[in-house]
Amino acid sequence: MQALESRQGRDCRILAAVEYWSHADLGALNKEWKSRVERIAKLVQTVPGVATSIEIPEGGNSYLL
C-alpha cells in the first residue's frame, strides 16, 4: 500500500512540474536568473585578486526552445 501511495505522490509531482513548465514565462525566468548571477558576480568582484565572467554554455539553458 505504501508503494502505491508513494508512486501516486511521485506522479502528482511530475504532473505539477509539467503543468508549471508548460505555462512558465521563460523570459521572466531568464531575467530573474540573470539578475541573480550578475548580483553574485558583483559581490565576488569585491574580493581582491578575484575576477569573474558570466558564460552560458551552448545548450546550457535547456528550457529555452
C-alpha atoms as a PDB file:
ATOM      1  CA  MET A   1       0.000   0.000   0.000  1.00  0.00           C
ATOM      2  CA  GLN A   2       2.852   2.394   0.838  1.00  0.00           C
ATOM      3  CA  ALA A   3       4.461   1.774  -2.568  1.00  0.00           C
ATOM      4  CA  LEU A   4       1.226   2.701  -4.335  1.00  0.00           C
ATOM      5  CA  GLU A   5       0.854   5.889  -2.286  1.00  0.00           C
ATOM      6  CA  SER A   6       4.481   6.761  -2.984  1.00  0.00           C
ATOM      7  CA  ARG A   7       4.002   6.222  -6.726  1.00  0.00           C
ATOM      8  CA  GLN A   8       0.839   8.341  -6.731  1.00  0.00           C
ATOM      9  CA  GLY A   9       2.665  11.134  -4.917  1.00  0.00           C
ATOM     10  CA  ARG A  10       5.501  10.985  -7.426  1.00  0.00           C
ATOM     11  CA  ASP A  11       3.039  11.047 -10.321  1.00  0.00           C
ATOM     12  CA  CYS A  12       1.344  14.133  -8.864  1.00  0.00           C
ATOM     13  CA  ARG A  13       4.705  15.898  -8.536  1.00  0.00           C
ATOM     14  CA  ILE A  14       5.586  15.032 -12.136  1.00  0.00           C
ATOM     15  CA  LEU A  15       2.222  16.330 -13.320  1.00  0.00           C
ATOM     16  CA  ALA A  16       2.690  19.536 -11.319  1.00  0.00           C
ATOM     17  CA  ALA A  17       6.140  20.054 -12.901  1.00  0.00           C
ATOM     18  CA  VAL A  18       4.789  19.510 -16.413  1.00  0.00           C
ATOM     19  CA  GLU A  19       1.936  21.912 -15.701  1.00  0.00           C
ATOM     20  CA  TYR A  20       4.340  24.565 -14.392  1.00  0.00           C
ATOM     21  CA  TRP A  21       6.818  24.332 -17.271  1.00  0.00           C
ATOM     22  CA  SER A  22       4.088  24.305 -19.915  1.00  0.00           C
ATOM     23  CA  HIS A  23       2.886  27.721 -18.663  1.00  0.00           C
ATOM     24  CA  ALA A  24       6.122  29.232 -17.320  1.00  0.00           C
ATOM     25  CA  ASP A  25       7.160  32.687 -18.507  1.00  0.00           C
ATOM     26  CA  LEU A  26      10.637  31.769 -19.711  1.00  0.00           C
ATOM     27  CA  GLY A  27      11.561  35.383 -20.442  1.00  0.00           C
ATOM     28  CA  ALA A  28      10.803  36.362 -16.854  1.00  0.00           C
ATOM     29  CA  LEU A  29      12.637  33.307 -15.558  1.00  0.00           C
ATOM     30  CA  ASN A  30      15.727  34.190 -17.616  1.00  0.00           C
ATOM     31  CA  LYS A  31      15.570  37.789 -16.404  1.00  0.00           C
ATOM     32  CA  GLU A  32      15.371  36.668 -12.766  1.00  0.00           C
ATOM     33  CA  TRP A  33      18.304  34.256 -13.054  1.00  0.00           C
ATOM     34  CA  LYS A  34      20.418  36.762 -14.992  1.00  0.00           C
ATOM     35  CA  SER A  35      19.842  39.288 -12.219  1.00  0.00           C
ATOM     36  CA  ARG A  36      20.844  36.737  -9.568  1.00  0.00           C
ATOM     37  CA  VAL A  37      24.004  35.735 -11.393  1.00  0.00           C
ATOM     38  CA  GLU A  38      25.007  39.350 -12.001  1.00  0.00           C
ATOM     39  CA  ARG A  39      24.500  40.146  -8.310  1.00  0.00           C
ATOM     40  CA  ILE A  40      26.739  37.238  -7.291  1.00  0.00           C
ATOM     41  CA  ALA A  41      29.378  38.306  -9.836  1.00  0.00           C
ATOM     42  CA  LYS A  42      29.299  41.864  -8.499  1.00  0.00           C
ATOM     43  CA  LEU A  43      29.828  40.629  -4.935  1.00  0.00           C
ATOM     44  CA  VAL A  44      32.633  38.274  -5.971  1.00  0.00           C
ATOM     45  CA  GLN A  45      34.430  41.086  -7.805  1.00  0.00           C
ATOM     46  CA  THR A  46      34.834  42.927  -4.497  1.00  0.00           C
ATOM     47  CA  VAL A  47      37.327  40.254  -3.401  1.00  0.00           C
ATOM     48  CA  PRO A  48      40.863  41.453  -4.185  1.00  0.00           C
ATOM     49  CA  GLY A  49      42.534  39.363  -6.890  1.00  0.00           C
ATOM     50  CA  VAL A  50      39.328  37.642  -7.969  1.00  0.00           C
ATOM     51  CA  ALA A  51      37.842  38.104 -11.432  1.00  0.00           C
ATOM     52  CA  THR A  52      34.512  36.820 -12.695  1.00  0.00           C
ATOM     53  CA  SER A  53      32.850  36.219 -16.002  1.00  0.00           C
ATOM     54  CA  ILE A  54      29.371  35.007 -16.821  1.00  0.00           C
ATOM     55  CA  GLU A  55      29.194  32.402 -19.553  1.00  0.00           C
ATOM     56  CA  ILE A  56      26.234  30.380 -20.727  1.00  0.00           C
ATOM     57  CA  PRO A  57      27.372  27.142 -22.368  1.00  0.00           C
ATOM     58  CA  GLU A  58      25.867  26.287 -25.731  1.00  0.00           C
ATOM     59  CA  GLY A  59      22.752  24.316 -24.945  1.00  0.00           C
ATOM     60  CA  GLY A  60      23.157  25.288 -21.289  1.00  0.00           C
ATOM     61  CA  ASN A  61      19.651  26.690 -20.996  1.00  0.00           C
ATOM     62  CA  SER A  62      17.816  23.520 -21.924  1.00  0.00           C
ATOM     63  CA  TYR A  63      14.405  25.001 -21.131  1.00  0.00           C
ATOM     64  CA  LEU A  64      14.765  27.543 -23.930  1.00  0.00           C
ATOM     65  CA  LEU A  65      13.455  26.339 -27.235  1.00  0.00           C
END
